Amino acid sequence: ISRLSEDHQHAARLAEAAMVCRYTEHVLPVQTNIVIFSLKPEMPAGVFIEKLKSLGILCVGFGENRIRLVTHLDVNKEKIEEACRILSAL
C-alpha cells in the first residue's frame, strides 16, 4: 500500500504511451493502476495482445476491442519505461 501511488504514476505513464500508439483509438481516464484502451478496427485485439506478448508485455483483452494493462509492485520504473517505448513505437 505504501507504494500504490507509484503504481498509479506508472499507469498514467503507460496511458500516455498508449495514446500515441498508432493502433489506439481511445484511452480511458486512468484513476488507479489499471490502463484500458480501445483499438482501431483494423487491429484485432488478439493480434495486438500476441504482438505485445512477443515484445515482453503481458496484457489481456477487455471486451471486443479493448486492452487492459495493470501495474503492480513486480513492475519497476525501468520496465514501465521499456513498455512505454514499445507501445509508442507501435
PDB file of N, CA and C in Angstrom:
ATOM      1  N   ILE A   1       0.834  -1.198   0.000  1.00  0.00           N
ATOM      2  CA  ILE A   1       0.000   0.000   0.000  1.00  0.00           C
ATOM      3  C   ILE A   1       0.866   1.245   0.000  1.00  0.00           C
ATOM      4  N   SER A   2       2.017   1.184   0.639  1.00  0.00           N
ATOM      5  CA  SER A   2       2.871   2.372   0.730  1.00  0.00           C
ATOM      6  C   SER A   2       3.366   2.835  -0.635  1.00  0.00           C
ATOM      7  N   ARG A   3       3.410   1.953  -1.600  1.00  0.00           N
ATOM      8  CA  ARG A   3       3.910   2.349  -2.916  1.00  0.00           C
ATOM      9  C   ARG A   3       2.821   2.341  -3.992  1.00  0.00           C
ATOM     10  N   LEU A   4       1.570   2.282  -3.589  1.00  0.00           N
ATOM     11  CA  LEU A   4       0.457   2.265  -4.535  1.00  0.00           C
ATOM     12  C   LEU A   4       0.443   3.507  -5.422  1.00  0.00           C
ATOM     13  N   SER A   5       0.821   4.639  -4.879  1.00  0.00           N
ATOM     14  CA  SER A   5       0.846   5.861  -5.698  1.00  0.00           C
ATOM     15  C   SER A   5       1.857   5.723  -6.835  1.00  0.00           C
ATOM     16  N   GLU A   6       2.920   4.971  -6.607  1.00  0.00           N
ATOM     17  CA  GLU A   6       3.901   4.720  -7.670  1.00  0.00           C
ATOM     18  C   GLU A   6       3.268   3.911  -8.806  1.00  0.00           C
ATOM     19  N   ASP A   7       2.462   2.909  -8.462  1.00  0.00           N
ATOM     20  CA  ASP A   7       1.748   2.135  -9.482  1.00  0.00           C
ATOM     21  C   ASP A   7       0.793   3.018 -10.275  1.00  0.00           C
ATOM     22  N   HIS A   8       0.149   3.944  -9.601  1.00  0.00           N
ATOM     23  CA  HIS A   8      -0.770   4.859 -10.280  1.00  0.00           C
ATOM     24  C   HIS A   8      -0.003   5.765 -11.240  1.00  0.00           C
ATOM     25  N   GLN A   9       1.166   6.225 -10.846  1.00  0.00           N
ATOM     26  CA  GLN A   9       2.008   7.035 -11.732  1.00  0.00           C
ATOM     27  C   GLN A   9       2.466   6.218 -12.937  1.00  0.00           C
ATOM     28  N   HIS A  10       2.827   4.983 -12.702  1.00  0.00           N
ATOM     29  CA  HIS A  10       3.239   4.110 -13.796  1.00  0.00           C
ATOM     30  C   HIS A  10       2.085   3.899 -14.779  1.00  0.00           C
ATOM     31  N   ALA A  11       0.892   3.718 -14.257  1.00  0.00           N
ATOM     32  CA  ALA A  11      -0.270   3.534 -15.121  1.00  0.00           C
ATOM     33  C   ALA A  11      -0.527   4.789 -15.954  1.00  0.00           C
ATOM     34  N   ALA A  12      -0.388   5.940 -15.340  1.00  0.00           N
ATOM     35  CA  ALA A  12      -0.573   7.196 -16.084  1.00  0.00           C
ATOM     36  C   ALA A  12       0.458   7.300 -17.201  1.00  0.00           C
ATOM     37  N   ARG A  13       1.674   6.888 -16.930  1.00  0.00           N
ATOM     38  CA  ARG A  13       2.738   6.920 -17.952  1.00  0.00           C
ATOM     39  C   ARG A  13       2.417   5.945 -19.088  1.00  0.00           C
ATOM     40  N   LEU A  14       1.930   4.758 -18.773  1.00  0.00           N
ATOM     41  CA  LEU A  14       1.533   3.796 -19.802  1.00  0.00           C
ATOM     42  C   LEU A  14       0.384   4.336 -20.647  1.00  0.00           C
ATOM     43  N   ALA A  15      -0.551   5.009 -20.010  1.00  0.00           N
ATOM     44  CA  ALA A  15      -1.675   5.598 -20.749  1.00  0.00           C
ATOM     45  C   ALA A  15      -1.179   6.637 -21.752  1.00  0.00           C
ATOM     46  N   GLU A  16      -0.203   7.438 -21.348  1.00  0.00           N
ATOM     47  CA  GLU A  16       0.376   8.419 -22.272  1.00  0.00           C
ATOM     48  C   GLU A  16       0.986   7.729 -23.484  1.00  0.00           C
ATOM     49  N   ALA A  17       1.691   6.642 -23.251  1.00  0.00           N
ATOM     50  CA  ALA A  17       2.304   5.900 -24.350  1.00  0.00           C
ATOM     51  C   ALA A  17       1.243   5.270 -25.239  1.00  0.00           C
ATOM     52  N   ALA A  18       0.178   4.750 -24.628  1.00  0.00           N
ATOM     53  CA  ALA A  18      -0.898   4.144 -25.411  1.00  0.00           C
ATOM     54  C   ALA A  18      -1.561   5.186 -26.310  1.00  0.00           C
ATOM     55  N   MET A  19      -1.630   6.420 -25.849  1.00  0.00           N
ATOM     56  CA  MET A  19      -2.269   7.480 -26.638  1.00  0.00           C
ATOM     57  C   MET A  19      -1.552   7.742 -27.961  1.00  0.00           C
ATOM     58  N   VAL A  20      -0.256   7.507 -28.006  1.00  0.00           N
ATOM     59  CA  VAL A  20       0.488   7.774 -29.245  1.00  0.00           C
ATOM     60  C   VAL A  20       0.682   6.517 -30.097  1.00  0.00           C
ATOM     61  N   CYS A  21       0.266   5.379 -29.598  1.00  0.00           N
ATOM     62  CA  CYS A  21       0.328   4.147 -30.382  1.00  0.00           C
ATOM     63  C   CYS A  21      -0.611   4.283 -31.573  1.00  0.00           C
ATOM     64  N   ARG A  22      -0.130   3.951 -32.757  1.00  0.00           N
ATOM     65  CA  ARG A  22      -0.943   4.161 -33.965  1.00  0.00           C
ATOM     66  C   ARG A  22      -2.181   3.274 -34.022  1.00  0.00           C
ATOM     67  N   TYR A  23      -2.232   2.225 -33.216  1.00  0.00           N
ATOM     68  CA  TYR A  23      -3.395   1.337 -33.208  1.00  0.00           C
ATOM     69  C   TYR A  23      -4.437   1.714 -32.166  1.00  0.00           C
ATOM     70  N   THR A  24      -4.133   2.681 -31.332  1.00  0.00           N
ATOM     71  CA  THR A  24      -5.049   3.074 -30.265  1.00  0.00           C
ATOM     72  C   THR A  24      -6.088   4.054 -30.785  1.00  0.00           C
ATOM     73  N   GLU A  25      -7.330   3.782 -30.449  1.00  0.00           N
ATOM     74  CA  GLU A  25      -8.419   4.681 -30.816  1.00  0.00           C
ATOM     75  C   GLU A  25      -8.773   5.616 -29.660  1.00  0.00           C
ATOM     76  N   HIS A  26      -8.802   5.052 -28.440  1.00  0.00           N
ATOM     77  CA  HIS A  26      -9.217   5.852 -27.280  1.00  0.00           C
ATOM     78  C   HIS A  26      -8.641   5.237 -26.005  1.00  0.00           C
ATOM     79  N   VAL A  27      -8.169   6.097 -25.101  1.00  0.00           N
ATOM     80  CA  VAL A  27      -7.671   5.653 -23.802  1.00  0.00           C
ATOM     81  C   VAL A  27      -8.613   6.181 -22.730  1.00  0.00           C
ATOM     82  N   LEU A  28      -9.094   5.294 -21.889  1.00  0.00           N
ATOM     83  CA  LEU A  28      -9.962   5.722 -20.791  1.00  0.00           C
ATOM     84  C   LEU A  28      -9.143   6.477 -19.752  1.00  0.00           C
ATOM     85  N   PRO A  29      -9.772   7.401 -19.044  1.00  0.00           N
ATOM     86  CA  PRO A  29      -9.044   8.108 -17.976  1.00  0.00           C
ATOM     87  C   PRO A  29      -8.497   7.115 -16.945  1.00  0.00           C
ATOM     88  N   VAL A  30      -7.277   7.354 -16.518  1.00  0.00           N
ATOM     89  CA  VAL A  30      -6.620   6.470 -15.553  1.00  0.00           C
ATOM     90  C   VAL A  30      -6.777   7.054 -14.160  1.00  0.00           C
ATOM     91  N   GLN A  31      -7.333   6.243 -13.258  1.00  0.00           N
ATOM     92  CA  GLN A  31      -7.536   6.689 -11.882  1.00  0.00           C
ATOM     93  C   GLN A  31      -6.848   5.777 -10.873  1.00  0.00           C
ATOM     94  N   THR A  32      -6.413   4.622 -11.335  1.00  0.00           N
ATOM     95  CA  THR A  32      -5.764   3.661 -10.438  1.00  0.00           C
ATOM     96  C   THR A  32      -4.523   3.114 -11.139  1.00  0.00           C
ATOM     97  N   ASN A  33      -4.240   1.850 -10.927  1.00  0.00           N
ATOM     98  CA  ASN A  33      -3.103   1.206 -11.570  1.00  0.00           C
ATOM     99  C   ASN A  33      -3.522   0.406 -12.807  1.00  0.00           C
ATOM    100  N   ILE A  34      -4.694   0.708 -13.330  1.00  0.00           N
ATOM    101  CA  ILE A  34      -5.244  -0.005 -14.485  1.00  0.00           C
ATOM    102  C   ILE A  34      -5.363   0.945 -15.668  1.00  0.00           C
ATOM    103  N   VAL A  35      -4.900   0.476 -16.831  1.00  0.00           N
ATOM    104  CA  VAL A  35      -4.994   1.236 -18.069  1.00  0.00           C
ATOM    105  C   VAL A  35      -5.859   0.433 -19.036  1.00  0.00           C
ATOM    106  N   ILE A  36      -6.895   1.068 -19.563  1.00  0.00           N
ATOM    107  CA  ILE A  36      -7.768   0.422 -20.545  1.00  0.00           C
ATOM    108  C   ILE A  36      -7.840   1.323 -21.757  1.00  0.00           C
ATOM    109  N   PHE A  37      -7.613   0.713 -22.930  1.00  0.00           N
ATOM    110  CA  PHE A  37      -7.722   1.494 -24.154  1.00  0.00           C
ATOM    111  C   PHE A  37      -8.353   0.663 -25.264  1.00  0.00           C
ATOM    112  N   SER A  38      -8.992   1.375 -26.194  1.00  0.00           N
ATOM    113  CA  SER A  38      -9.647   0.755 -27.336  1.00  0.00           C
ATOM    114  C   SER A  38      -8.720   0.788 -28.533  1.00  0.00           C
ATOM    115  N   LEU A  39      -8.816  -0.248 -29.332  1.00  0.00           N
ATOM    116  CA  LEU A  39      -8.018  -0.333 -30.546  1.00  0.00           C
ATOM    117  C   LEU A  39      -8.838   0.093 -31.756  1.00  0.00           C
ATOM    118  N   LYS A  40      -8.147   0.581 -32.751  1.00  0.00           N
ATOM    119  CA  LYS A  40      -8.795   0.902 -34.021  1.00  0.00           C
ATOM    120  C   LYS A  40      -9.289  -0.390 -34.664  1.00  0.00           C
ATOM    121  N   PRO A  41     -10.350  -0.299 -35.467  1.00  0.00           N
ATOM    122  CA  PRO A  41     -10.945  -1.512 -36.052  1.00  0.00           C
ATOM    123  C   PRO A  41      -9.964  -2.376 -36.853  1.00  0.00           C
ATOM    124  N   GLU A  42      -8.955  -1.770 -37.463  1.00  0.00           N
ATOM    125  CA  GLU A  42      -8.033  -2.563 -38.284  1.00  0.00           C
ATOM    126  C   GLU A  42      -7.069  -3.426 -37.471  1.00  0.00           C
ATOM    127  N   MET A  43      -7.044  -3.253 -36.144  1.00  0.00           N
ATOM    128  CA  MET A  43      -6.150  -4.059 -35.300  1.00  0.00           C
ATOM    129  C   MET A  43      -6.972  -4.933 -34.358  1.00  0.00           C
ATOM    130  N   PRO A  44      -7.115  -6.213 -34.679  1.00  0.00           N
ATOM    131  CA  PRO A  44      -7.841  -7.113 -33.785  1.00  0.00           C
ATOM    132  C   PRO A  44      -7.125  -7.228 -32.427  1.00  0.00           C
ATOM    133  N   ALA A  45      -7.894  -7.277 -31.375  1.00  0.00           N
ATOM    134  CA  ALA A  45      -7.319  -7.341 -30.032  1.00  0.00           C
ATOM    135  C   ALA A  45      -6.403  -8.546 -29.863  1.00  0.00           C
ATOM    136  N   GLY A  46      -6.798  -9.699 -30.380  1.00  0.00           N
ATOM    137  CA  GLY A  46      -5.974 -10.898 -30.239  1.00  0.00           C
ATOM    138  C   GLY A  46      -4.605 -10.750 -30.882  1.00  0.00           C
ATOM    139  N   VAL A  47      -4.568 -10.116 -32.038  1.00  0.00           N
ATOM    140  CA  VAL A  47      -3.298  -9.880 -32.728  1.00  0.00           C
ATOM    141  C   VAL A  47      -2.438  -8.916 -31.924  1.00  0.00           C
ATOM    142  N   PHE A  48      -3.048  -7.859 -31.398  1.00  0.00           N
ATOM    143  CA  PHE A  48      -2.323  -6.870 -30.612  1.00  0.00           C
ATOM    144  C   PHE A  48      -1.756  -7.498 -29.340  1.00  0.00           C
ATOM    145  N   ILE A  49      -2.556  -8.296 -28.671  1.00  0.00           N
ATOM    146  CA  ILE A  49      -2.126  -8.966 -27.436  1.00  0.00           C
ATOM    147  C   ILE A  49      -0.923  -9.866 -27.716  1.00  0.00           C
ATOM    148  N   GLU A  50      -0.982 -10.638 -28.782  1.00  0.00           N
ATOM    149  CA  GLU A  50       0.133 -11.513 -29.135  1.00  0.00           C
ATOM    150  C   GLU A  50       1.378 -10.719 -29.523  1.00  0.00           C
ATOM    151  N   LYS A  51       1.201  -9.610 -30.217  1.00  0.00           N
ATOM    152  CA  LYS A  51       2.324  -8.750 -30.590  1.00  0.00           C
ATOM    153  C   LYS A  51       3.013  -8.235 -29.328  1.00  0.00           C
ATOM    154  N   LEU A  52       2.223  -7.697 -28.385  1.00  0.00           N
ATOM    155  CA  LEU A  52       2.810  -7.209 -27.140  1.00  0.00           C
ATOM    156  C   LEU A  52       3.504  -8.332 -26.374  1.00  0.00           C
ATOM    157  N   LYS A  53       2.876  -9.491 -26.336  1.00  0.00           N
ATOM    158  CA  LYS A  53       3.472 -10.630 -25.628  1.00  0.00           C
ATOM    159  C   LYS A  53       4.837 -10.976 -26.231  1.00  0.00           C
ATOM    160  N   SER A  54       4.932 -10.952 -27.569  1.00  0.00           N
ATOM    161  CA  SER A  54       6.207 -11.271 -28.228  1.00  0.00           C
ATOM    162  C   SER A  54       7.281 -10.230 -27.909  1.00  0.00           C
ATOM    163  N   LEU A  55       6.843  -9.038 -27.487  1.00  0.00           N
ATOM    164  CA  LEU A  55       7.763  -7.959 -27.132  1.00  0.00           C
ATOM    165  C   LEU A  55       7.976  -7.841 -25.623  1.00  0.00           C
ATOM    166  N   GLY A  56       7.413  -8.788 -24.865  1.00  0.00           N
ATOM    167  CA  GLY A  56       7.640  -8.832 -23.424  1.00  0.00           C
ATOM    168  C   GLY A  56       6.628  -8.092 -22.570  1.00  0.00           C
ATOM    169  N   ILE A  57       5.489  -7.722 -23.160  1.00  0.00           N
ATOM    170  CA  ILE A  57       4.451  -7.018 -22.395  1.00  0.00           C
ATOM    171  C   ILE A  57       3.226  -7.922 -22.305  1.00  0.00           C
ATOM    172  N   LEU A  58       2.805  -8.200 -21.090  1.00  0.00           N
ATOM    173  CA  LEU A  58       1.603  -9.006 -20.895  1.00  0.00           C
ATOM    174  C   LEU A  58       0.414  -8.097 -20.692  1.00  0.00           C
ATOM    175  N   CYS A  59      -0.663  -8.417 -21.370  1.00  0.00           N
ATOM    176  CA  CYS A  59      -1.911  -7.666 -21.231  1.00  0.00           C
ATOM    177  C   CYS A  59      -3.051  -8.632 -21.506  1.00  0.00           C
ATOM    178  N   VAL A  60      -4.262  -8.167 -21.306  1.00  0.00           N
ATOM    179  CA  VAL A  60      -5.426  -9.002 -21.575  1.00  0.00           C
ATOM    180  C   VAL A  60      -6.436  -8.206 -22.372  1.00  0.00           C
ATOM    181  N   GLY A  61      -7.269  -8.944 -23.096  1.00  0.00           N
ATOM    182  CA  GLY A  61      -8.396  -8.315 -23.766  1.00  0.00           C
ATOM    183  C   GLY A  61      -9.438  -7.953 -22.727  1.00  0.00           C
ATOM    184  N   PHE A  62     -10.113  -6.868 -22.981  1.00  0.00           N
ATOM    185  CA  PHE A  62     -11.121  -6.391 -22.037  1.00  0.00           C
ATOM    186  C   PHE A  62     -12.312  -5.942 -22.865  1.00  0.00           C
ATOM    187  N   GLY A  63     -13.072  -6.918 -23.327  1.00  0.00           N
ATOM    188  CA  GLY A  63     -14.140  -6.621 -24.269  1.00  0.00           C
ATOM    189  C   GLY A  63     -13.650  -6.881 -25.683  1.00  0.00           C
ATOM    190  N   GLU A  64     -14.464  -6.542 -26.646  1.00  0.00           N
ATOM    191  CA  GLU A  64     -14.177  -6.889 -28.043  1.00  0.00           C
ATOM    192  C   GLU A  64     -12.917  -6.246 -28.600  1.00  0.00           C
ATOM    193  N   ASN A  65     -12.708  -4.983 -28.341  1.00  0.00           N
ATOM    194  CA  ASN A  65     -11.541  -4.303 -28.936  1.00  0.00           C
ATOM    195  C   ASN A  65     -10.754  -3.493 -27.914  1.00  0.00           C
ATOM    196  N   ARG A  66     -10.855  -3.869 -26.663  1.00  0.00           N
ATOM    197  CA  ARG A  66     -10.144  -3.146 -25.605  1.00  0.00           C
ATOM    198  C   ARG A  66      -9.015  -3.980 -25.031  1.00  0.00           C
ATOM    199  N   ILE A  67      -8.008  -3.264 -24.567  1.00  0.00           N
ATOM    200  CA  ILE A  67      -6.840  -3.866 -23.949  1.00  0.00           C
ATOM    201  C   ILE A  67      -6.738  -3.350 -22.518  1.00  0.00           C
ATOM    202  N   ARG A  68      -6.327  -4.227 -21.624  1.00  0.00           N
ATOM    203  CA  ARG A  68      -6.172  -3.861 -20.216  1.00  0.00           C
ATOM    204  C   ARG A  68      -4.740  -4.147 -19.776  1.00  0.00           C
ATOM    205  N   LEU A  69      -4.093  -3.130 -19.241  1.00  0.00           N
ATOM    206  CA  LEU A  69      -2.763  -3.244 -18.651  1.00  0.00           C
ATOM    207  C   LEU A  69      -2.880  -2.915 -17.164  1.00  0.00           C
ATOM    208  N   VAL A  70      -2.121  -3.603 -16.335  1.00  0.00           N
ATOM    209  CA  VAL A  70      -2.155  -3.357 -14.895  1.00  0.00           C
ATOM    210  C   VAL A  70      -0.724  -3.247 -14.389  1.00  0.00           C
ATOM    211  N   THR A  71      -0.457  -2.222 -13.596  1.00  0.00           N
ATOM    212  CA  THR A  71       0.855  -2.092 -12.963  1.00  0.00           C
ATOM    213  C   THR A  71       0.765  -2.641 -11.545  1.00  0.00           C
ATOM    214  N   HIS A  72       1.906  -3.109 -11.054  1.00  0.00           N
ATOM    215  CA  HIS A  72       1.956  -3.639  -9.689  1.00  0.00           C
ATOM    216  C   HIS A  72       3.391  -3.648  -9.207  1.00  0.00           C
ATOM    217  N   LEU A  73       3.614  -4.095  -8.008  1.00  0.00           N
ATOM    218  CA  LEU A  73       4.933  -3.990  -7.382  1.00  0.00           C
ATOM    219  C   LEU A  73       6.025  -4.773  -8.091  1.00  0.00           C
ATOM    220  N   ASP A  74       5.685  -5.736  -8.918  1.00  0.00           N
ATOM    221  CA  ASP A  74       6.698  -6.500  -9.649  1.00  0.00           C
ATOM    222  C   ASP A  74       7.150  -5.815 -10.939  1.00  0.00           C
ATOM    223  N   VAL A  75       6.569  -4.660 -11.238  1.00  0.00           N
ATOM    224  CA  VAL A  75       6.924  -3.928 -12.456  1.00  0.00           C
ATOM    225  C   VAL A  75       7.557  -2.605 -12.035  1.00  0.00           C
ATOM    226  N   ASN A  76       8.879  -2.518 -12.185  1.00  0.00           N
ATOM    227  CA  ASN A  76       9.587  -1.317 -11.740  1.00  0.00           C
ATOM    228  C   ASN A  76       9.579  -0.223 -12.814  1.00  0.00           C
ATOM    229  N   LYS A  77      10.126   0.916 -12.468  1.00  0.00           N
ATOM    230  CA  LYS A  77      10.111   2.070 -13.365  1.00  0.00           C
ATOM    231  C   LYS A  77      10.810   1.775 -14.691  1.00  0.00           C
ATOM    232  N   GLU A  78      11.903   1.055 -14.653  1.00  0.00           N
ATOM    233  CA  GLU A  78      12.639   0.722 -15.878  1.00  0.00           C
ATOM    234  C   GLU A  78      11.774  -0.116 -16.822  1.00  0.00           C
ATOM    235  N   LYS A  79      11.052  -1.068 -16.270  1.00  0.00           N
ATOM    236  CA  LYS A  79      10.165  -1.905 -17.090  1.00  0.00           C
ATOM    237  C   LYS A  79       9.004  -1.082 -17.653  1.00  0.00           C
ATOM    238  N   ILE A  80       8.495  -0.159 -16.864  1.00  0.00           N
ATOM    239  CA  ILE A  80       7.420   0.717 -17.352  1.00  0.00           C
ATOM    240  C   ILE A  80       7.921   1.553 -18.525  1.00  0.00           C
ATOM    241  N   GLU A  81       9.106   2.116 -18.389  1.00  0.00           N
ATOM    242  CA  GLU A  81       9.659   2.935 -19.474  1.00  0.00           C
ATOM    243  C   GLU A  81       9.923   2.103 -20.726  1.00  0.00           C
ATOM    244  N   GLU A  82      10.370   0.873 -20.539  1.00  0.00           N
ATOM    245  CA  GLU A  82      10.570  -0.021 -21.674  1.00  0.00           C
ATOM    246  C   GLU A  82       9.232  -0.302 -22.362  1.00  0.00           C
ATOM    247  N   ALA A  83       8.215  -0.598 -21.571  1.00  0.00           N
ATOM    248  CA  ALA A  83       6.881  -0.841 -22.131  1.00  0.00           C
ATOM    249  C   ALA A  83       6.361   0.394 -22.856  1.00  0.00           C
ATOM    250  N   CYS A  84       6.619   1.564 -22.307  1.00  0.00           N
ATOM    251  CA  CYS A  84       6.188   2.813 -22.943  1.00  0.00           C
ATOM    252  C   CYS A  84       6.882   3.020 -24.286  1.00  0.00           C
ATOM    253  N   ARG A  85       8.151   2.717 -24.352  1.00  0.00           N
ATOM    254  CA  ARG A  85       8.883   2.816 -25.633  1.00  0.00           C
ATOM    255  C   ARG A  85       8.292   1.884 -26.668  1.00  0.00           C
ATOM    256  N   ILE A  86       7.967   0.670 -26.248  1.00  0.00           N
ATOM    257  CA  ILE A  86       7.392  -0.312 -27.160  1.00  0.00           C
ATOM    258  C   ILE A  86       6.022   0.138 -27.637  1.00  0.00           C
ATOM    259  N   LEU A  87       5.152   0.530 -26.719  1.00  0.00           N
ATOM    260  CA  LEU A  87       3.815   0.993 -27.096  1.00  0.00           C
ATOM    261  C   LEU A  87       3.866   2.191 -28.026  1.00  0.00           C
ATOM    262  N   SER A  88       4.723   3.130 -27.710  1.00  0.00           N
ATOM    263  CA  SER A  88       4.838   4.348 -28.522  1.00  0.00           C
ATOM    264  C   SER A  88       5.318   4.046 -29.932  1.00  0.00           C
ATOM    265  N   ALA A  89       6.132   2.995 -30.067  1.00  0.00           N
ATOM    266  CA  ALA A  89       6.692   2.661 -31.375  1.00  0.00           C
ATOM    267  C   ALA A  89       5.736   1.858 -32.253  1.00  0.00           C
ATOM    268  N   LEU A  90       4.700   1.287 -31.665  1.00  0.00           N
ATOM    269  CA  LEU A  90       3.749   0.502 -32.451  1.00  0.00           C
ATOM    270  C   LEU A  90       2.839   1.390 -33.267  1.00  0.00           C
TER     271      LEU A  90
END
